[in-house]
């Protein structure tokens, strides 16, 4: 094993550790919010956001995939969003249907990406950004008006993201089809 291989594996492991910290933040966020500590939940969410930015920056900087695999980052994002929305559902802020909708979108992302590497369409990443913003807004501004806007946005962003995915794959297939 060469020095560069060891360095590459070390960098991939470092990124994985940052992702694991984000997963731990998800568990803590759920626990503290479900137990009525909104301010702590917001602080934990902000820590998770920093970890998300850090692991993405490290992956791009070193051009490595986390040792946990190519879907580790997206999986940690899902866990963070589900933990937050799970706690929100328990507290009666959002209805239960939000959880299977979010999980369904993640499943279709994995299913349409394939095994090797996540495949992001131009608008698909915005769905994740919307969900992170929804969590942040719900924690930072605990008002019914914010909850109503987020709740109205969930099906809209879901529909737009699904439509974007369909268009993305149709265009991609057209480019790869031989001319007849």
C-alpha atoms as a PDB file:
ATOM      1  CA  UNK A   1       0.000   0.000   0.000  1.00  0.00           C
ATOM      2  CA  UNK A   2       1.395   3.344  -1.028  1.00  0.00           C
ATOM      3  CA  UNK A   3       1.485   6.577   0.925  1.00  0.00           C
ATOM      4  CA  UNK A   4      -1.125   8.139  -1.364  1.00  0.00           C
ATOM      5  CA  UNK A   5      -3.521   5.191  -0.844  1.00  0.00           C
ATOM      6  CA  UNK A   6      -3.212   5.508   2.925  1.00  0.00           C
ATOM      7  CA  UNK A   7      -3.712   9.264   2.716  1.00  0.00           C
ATOM      8  CA  UNK A   8      -6.777   8.825   0.495  1.00  0.00           C
ATOM      9  CA  UNK A   9      -8.299   6.257   2.874  1.00  0.00           C
ATOM     10  CA  UNK A  10      -7.553   8.507   5.841  1.00  0.00           C
ATOM     11  CA  UNK A  11      -9.307  11.407   4.163  1.00  0.00           C
ATOM     12  CA  UNK A  12     -12.296   9.190   3.310  1.00  0.00           C
ATOM     13  CA  UNK A  13     -12.419   8.063   6.952  1.00  0.00           C
ATOM     14  CA  UNK A  14     -12.287  11.680   8.157  1.00  0.00           C
ATOM     15  CA  UNK A  15     -15.255  12.560   5.966  1.00  0.00           C
ATOM     16  CA  UNK A  16     -17.101   9.534   7.341  1.00  0.00           C
ATOM     17  CA  UNK A  17     -16.457  10.686  10.911  1.00  0.00           C
ATOM     18  CA  UNK A  18     -17.979  14.084  10.096  1.00  0.00           C
ATOM     19  CA  UNK A  19     -21.007  12.306   8.620  1.00  0.00           C
ATOM     20  CA  UNK A  20     -21.317  10.171  11.766  1.00  0.00           C
ATOM     21  CA  UNK A  21     -21.317  13.341  13.870  1.00  0.00           C
ATOM     22  CA  UNK A  22     -24.239  14.546  11.732  1.00  0.00           C
ATOM     23  CA  UNK A  23     -26.095  11.294  12.389  1.00  0.00           C
ATOM     24  CA  UNK A  24     -25.499  11.773  16.121  1.00  0.00           C
ATOM     25  CA  UNK A  25     -26.856  15.315  15.786  1.00  0.00           C
ATOM     26  CA  UNK A  26     -30.015  13.866  14.206  1.00  0.00           C
ATOM     27  CA  UNK A  27     -30.598  11.572  17.182  1.00  0.00           C
ATOM     28  CA  UNK A  28     -29.924  14.379  19.663  1.00  0.00           C
ATOM     29  CA  UNK A  29     -32.131  16.815  17.776  1.00  0.00           C
ATOM     30  CA  UNK A  30     -35.034  14.372  17.895  1.00  0.00           C
ATOM     31  CA  UNK A  31     -34.580  13.739  21.603  1.00  0.00           C
ATOM     32  CA  UNK A  32     -34.184  17.339  22.736  1.00  0.00           C
ATOM     33  CA  UNK A  33     -36.995  18.719  20.575  1.00  0.00           C
ATOM     34  CA  UNK A  34     -39.394  15.922  21.516  1.00  0.00           C
ATOM     35  CA  UNK A  35     -38.627  16.797  25.140  1.00  0.00           C
ATOM     36  CA  UNK A  36     -39.426  20.483  24.682  1.00  0.00           C
ATOM     37  CA  UNK A  37     -35.996  22.042  24.230  1.00  0.00           C
ATOM     38  CA  UNK A  38     -36.412  23.954  20.976  1.00  0.00           C
ATOM     39  CA  UNK A  39     -33.377  26.202  21.480  1.00  0.00           C
ATOM     40  CA  UNK A  40     -31.081  23.218  22.021  1.00  0.00           C
ATOM     41  CA  UNK A  41     -32.586  21.515  18.991  1.00  0.00           C
ATOM     42  CA  UNK A  42     -31.829  24.614  16.909  1.00  0.00           C
ATOM     43  CA  UNK A  43     -28.219  24.662  18.142  1.00  0.00           C
ATOM     44  CA  UNK A  44     -27.828  20.972  17.307  1.00  0.00           C
ATOM     45  CA  UNK A  45     -29.355  21.543  13.873  1.00  0.00           C
ATOM     46  CA  UNK A  46     -26.876  24.364  13.216  1.00  0.00           C
ATOM     47  CA  UNK A  47     -24.033  22.029  14.233  1.00  0.00           C
ATOM     48  CA  UNK A  48     -25.374  19.444  11.776  1.00  0.00           C
ATOM     49  CA  UNK A  49     -25.487  22.085   9.023  1.00  0.00           C
ATOM     50  CA  UNK A  50     -21.832  22.938   9.681  1.00  0.00           C
ATOM     51  CA  UNK A  51     -20.954  19.219   9.532  1.00  0.00           C
ATOM     52  CA  UNK A  52     -22.863  18.869   6.252  1.00  0.00           C
ATOM     53  CA  UNK A  53     -20.969  21.777   4.723  1.00  0.00           C
ATOM     54  CA  UNK A  54     -17.664  20.461   6.094  1.00  0.00           C
ATOM     55  CA  UNK A  55     -18.031  16.917   4.785  1.00  0.00           C
ATOM     56  CA  UNK A  56     -19.053  18.244   1.364  1.00  0.00           C
ATOM     57  CA  UNK A  57     -16.117  20.621   1.274  1.00  0.00           C
ATOM     58  CA  UNK A  58     -13.693  17.882   2.331  1.00  0.00           C
ATOM     59  CA  UNK A  59     -15.053  15.455  -0.274  1.00  0.00           C
ATOM     60  CA  UNK A  60     -14.652  18.052  -3.040  1.00  0.00           C
ATOM     61  CA  UNK A  61     -11.280  19.293  -1.756  1.00  0.00           C
ATOM     62  CA  UNK A  62      -9.762  15.815  -1.571  1.00  0.00           C
ATOM     63  CA  UNK A  63     -11.854  14.287  -4.354  1.00  0.00           C
ATOM     64  CA  UNK A  64     -12.736  11.237  -2.257  1.00  0.00           C
ATOM     65  CA  UNK A  65     -15.901   9.345  -1.389  1.00  0.00           C
ATOM     66  CA  UNK A  66     -16.552   8.758   2.323  1.00  0.00           C
ATOM     67  CA  UNK A  67     -15.414   5.325   3.490  1.00  0.00           C
ATOM     68  CA  UNK A  68     -19.033   4.758   4.516  1.00  0.00           C
ATOM     69  CA  UNK A  69     -19.978   4.804   0.828  1.00  0.00           C
ATOM     70  CA  UNK A  70     -21.306   7.188  -1.807  1.00  0.00           C
ATOM     71  CA  UNK A  71     -24.764   7.474  -0.235  1.00  0.00           C
ATOM     72  CA  UNK A  72     -23.573   8.208   3.311  1.00  0.00           C
ATOM     73  CA  UNK A  73     -24.007  11.972   2.941  1.00  0.00           C
ATOM     74  CA  UNK A  74     -27.509  11.694   1.479  1.00  0.00           C
ATOM     75  CA  UNK A  75     -28.433   9.120   4.119  1.00  0.00           C
ATOM     76  CA  UNK A  76     -27.254  11.402   6.910  1.00  0.00           C
ATOM     77  CA  UNK A  77     -29.282  14.237   5.384  1.00  0.00           C
ATOM     78  CA  UNK A  78     -32.346  11.993   5.341  1.00  0.00           C
ATOM     79  CA  UNK A  79     -31.839  10.955   8.970  1.00  0.00           C
ATOM     80  CA  UNK A  80     -31.474  14.567  10.055  1.00  0.00           C
ATOM     81  CA  UNK A  81     -34.633  15.651   8.225  1.00  0.00           C
ATOM     82  CA  UNK A  82     -36.598  12.611   9.414  1.00  0.00           C
ATOM     83  CA  UNK A  83     -35.473  13.109  13.008  1.00  0.00           C
ATOM     84  CA  UNK A  84     -36.607  16.722  12.907  1.00  0.00           C
ATOM     85  CA  UNK A  85     -39.908  16.006  11.166  1.00  0.00           C
ATOM     86  CA  UNK A  86     -40.479  13.000  13.423  1.00  0.00           C
ATOM     87  CA  UNK A  87     -40.184  15.261  16.443  1.00  0.00           C
ATOM     88  CA  UNK A  88     -42.380  17.867  14.740  1.00  0.00           C
ATOM     89  CA  UNK A  89     -45.043  15.226  14.090  1.00  0.00           C
ATOM     90  CA  UNK A  90     -44.900  14.073  17.724  1.00  0.00           C
ATOM     91  CA  UNK A  91     -45.402  17.674  18.853  1.00  0.00           C
ATOM     92  CA  UNK A  92     -48.324  18.128  16.438  1.00  0.00           C
ATOM     93  CA  UNK A  93     -46.629  20.740  14.267  1.00  0.00           C
ATOM     94  CA  UNK A  94     -46.895  18.722  11.047  1.00  0.00           C
ATOM     95  CA  UNK A  95     -49.162  15.823  10.031  1.00  0.00           C
ATOM     96  CA  UNK A  96     -47.900  12.250   9.844  1.00  0.00           C
ATOM     97  CA  UNK A  97     -48.078  12.124   6.025  1.00  0.00           C
ATOM     98  CA  UNK A  98     -44.989  14.330   5.811  1.00  0.00           C
ATOM     99  CA  UNK A  99     -42.746  11.466   6.946  1.00  0.00           C
ATOM    100  CA  UNK A 100     -43.625   8.868   4.274  1.00  0.00           C
ATOM    101  CA  UNK A 101     -43.518  11.586   1.603  1.00  0.00           C
ATOM    102  CA  UNK A 102     -39.954  12.514   2.592  1.00  0.00           C
ATOM    103  CA  UNK A 103     -38.907   8.859   2.773  1.00  0.00           C
ATOM    104  CA  UNK A 104     -40.572   8.200  -0.597  1.00  0.00           C
ATOM    105  CA  UNK A 105     -38.583  10.978  -2.217  1.00  0.00           C
ATOM    106  CA  UNK A 106     -35.352   9.567  -0.821  1.00  0.00           C
ATOM    107  CA  UNK A 107     -36.249   6.059  -2.029  1.00  0.00           C
ATOM    108  CA  UNK A 108     -36.962   7.330  -5.547  1.00  0.00           C
ATOM    109  CA  UNK A 109     -33.637   9.218  -5.486  1.00  0.00           C
ATOM    110  CA  UNK A 110     -31.760   6.022  -4.586  1.00  0.00           C
ATOM    111  CA  UNK A 111     -33.778   3.902  -7.017  1.00  0.00           C
ATOM    112  CA  UNK A 112     -33.255   6.249  -9.940  1.00  0.00           C
ATOM    113  CA  UNK A 113     -29.582   6.882  -9.156  1.00  0.00           C
ATOM    114  CA  UNK A 114     -28.342   3.307  -9.142  1.00  0.00           C
ATOM    115  CA  UNK A 115     -25.778   1.677  -6.905  1.00  0.00           C
ATOM    116  CA  UNK A 116     -22.549   3.319  -7.883  1.00  0.00           C
ATOM    117  CA  UNK A 117     -23.045   7.013  -7.204  1.00  0.00           C
ATOM    118  CA  UNK A 118     -25.896   9.410  -6.382  1.00  0.00           C
ATOM    119  CA  UNK A 119     -27.241  11.053  -9.507  1.00  0.00           C
ATOM    120  CA  UNK A 120     -28.415  14.609  -8.919  1.00  0.00           C
ATOM    121  CA  UNK A 121     -30.721  16.354 -11.328  1.00  0.00           C
ATOM    122  CA  UNK A 122     -30.586  20.157 -11.581  1.00  0.00           C
ATOM    123  CA  UNK A 123     -33.580  20.825  -9.309  1.00  0.00           C
ATOM    124  CA  UNK A 124     -33.406  17.733  -7.115  1.00  0.00           C
ATOM    125  CA  UNK A 125     -30.842  19.184  -4.735  1.00  0.00           C
ATOM    126  CA  UNK A 126     -33.225  22.030  -4.052  1.00  0.00           C
ATOM    127  CA  UNK A 127     -35.657  19.574  -2.467  1.00  0.00           C
ATOM    128  CA  UNK A 128     -33.053  18.801   0.179  1.00  0.00           C
ATOM    129  CA  UNK A 129     -32.289  22.491   0.595  1.00  0.00           C
ATOM    130  CA  UNK A 130     -36.018  23.177   1.044  1.00  0.00           C
ATOM    131  CA  UNK A 131     -36.304  20.447   3.694  1.00  0.00           C
ATOM    132  CA  UNK A 132     -33.272  21.776   5.578  1.00  0.00           C
ATOM    133  CA  UNK A 133     -34.711  25.298   5.374  1.00  0.00           C
ATOM    134  CA  UNK A 134     -38.071  23.964   6.590  1.00  0.00           C
ATOM    135  CA  UNK A 135     -36.416  22.378   9.619  1.00  0.00           C
ATOM    136  CA  UNK A 136     -34.425  25.531  10.345  1.00  0.00           C
ATOM    137  CA  UNK A 137     -37.435  27.820   9.952  1.00  0.00           C
ATOM    138  CA  UNK A 138     -39.608  25.583  12.126  1.00  0.00           C
ATOM    139  CA  UNK A 139     -36.992  25.547  14.877  1.00  0.00           C
ATOM    140  CA  UNK A 140     -36.017  29.219  14.653  1.00  0.00           C
ATOM    141  CA  UNK A 141     -39.510  30.670  14.197  1.00  0.00           C
ATOM    142  CA  UNK A 142     -42.043  28.509  16.063  1.00  0.00           C
ATOM    143  CA  UNK A 143     -45.126  30.242  14.706  1.00  0.00           C
ATOM    144  CA  UNK A 144     -48.214  28.758  13.043  1.00  0.00           C
ATOM    145  CA  UNK A 145     -47.697  30.966   9.982  1.00  0.00           C
ATOM    146  CA  UNK A 146     -44.256  29.419   9.376  1.00  0.00           C
ATOM    147  CA  UNK A 147     -45.665  25.916   9.819  1.00  0.00           C
ATOM    148  CA  UNK A 148     -48.439  26.625   7.324  1.00  0.00           C
ATOM    149  CA  UNK A 149     -45.972  27.899   4.713  1.00  0.00           C
ATOM    150  CA  UNK A 150     -43.714  24.866   5.212  1.00  0.00           C
ATOM    151  CA  UNK A 151     -46.664  22.487   5.087  1.00  0.00           C
ATOM    152  CA  UNK A 152     -47.918  24.069   1.857  1.00  0.00           C
ATOM    153  CA  UNK A 153     -44.418  23.927   0.404  1.00  0.00           C
ATOM    154  CA  UNK A 154     -43.820  20.235   1.033  1.00  0.00           C
ATOM    155  CA  UNK A 155     -46.193  18.876  -1.646  1.00  0.00           C
ATOM    156  CA  UNK A 156     -45.279  21.679  -4.062  1.00  0.00           C
ATOM    157  CA  UNK A 157     -41.526  21.042  -3.762  1.00  0.00           C
ATOM    158  CA  UNK A 158     -42.145  17.289  -3.913  1.00  0.00           C
ATOM    159  CA  UNK A 159     -44.118  17.597  -7.161  1.00  0.00           C
ATOM    160  CA  UNK A 160     -41.579  19.951  -8.743  1.00  0.00           C
ATOM    161  CA  UNK A 161     -38.703  17.698  -7.711  1.00  0.00           C
ATOM    162  CA  UNK A 162     -40.397  14.605  -9.133  1.00  0.00           C
ATOM    163  CA  UNK A 163     -41.172  16.402 -12.392  1.00  0.00           C
ATOM    164  CA  UNK A 164     -37.580  17.609 -12.595  1.00  0.00           C
ATOM    165  CA  UNK A 165     -36.320  14.050 -12.109  1.00  0.00           C
ATOM    166  CA  UNK A 166     -38.545  12.733 -14.906  1.00  0.00           C
ATOM    167  CA  UNK A 167     -37.453  15.487 -17.307  1.00  0.00           C
ATOM    168  CA  UNK A 168     -33.795  14.970 -16.359  1.00  0.00           C
ATOM    169  CA  UNK A 169     -33.930  11.261 -17.160  1.00  0.00           C
ATOM    170  CA  UNK A 170     -35.872  11.759 -20.398  1.00  0.00           C
ATOM    171  CA  UNK A 171     -33.293  14.260 -21.633  1.00  0.00           C
ATOM    172  CA  UNK A 172     -30.472  12.011 -20.523  1.00  0.00           C
ATOM    173  CA  UNK A 173     -31.977   9.014 -22.332  1.00  0.00           C
ATOM    174  CA  UNK A 174     -32.464  11.074 -25.522  1.00  0.00           C
ATOM    175  CA  UNK A 175     -28.787  12.066 -25.487  1.00  0.00           C
ATOM    176  CA  UNK A 176     -27.682   8.454 -25.132  1.00  0.00           C
ATOM    177  CA  UNK A 177     -30.064   6.970 -27.723  1.00  0.00           C
ATOM    178  CA  UNK A 178     -28.509   6.389 -31.126  1.00  0.00           C
ATOM    179  CA  UNK A 179     -29.963   8.390 -34.004  1.00  0.00           C
ATOM    180  CA  UNK A 180     -32.290   6.308 -36.137  1.00  0.00           C
END
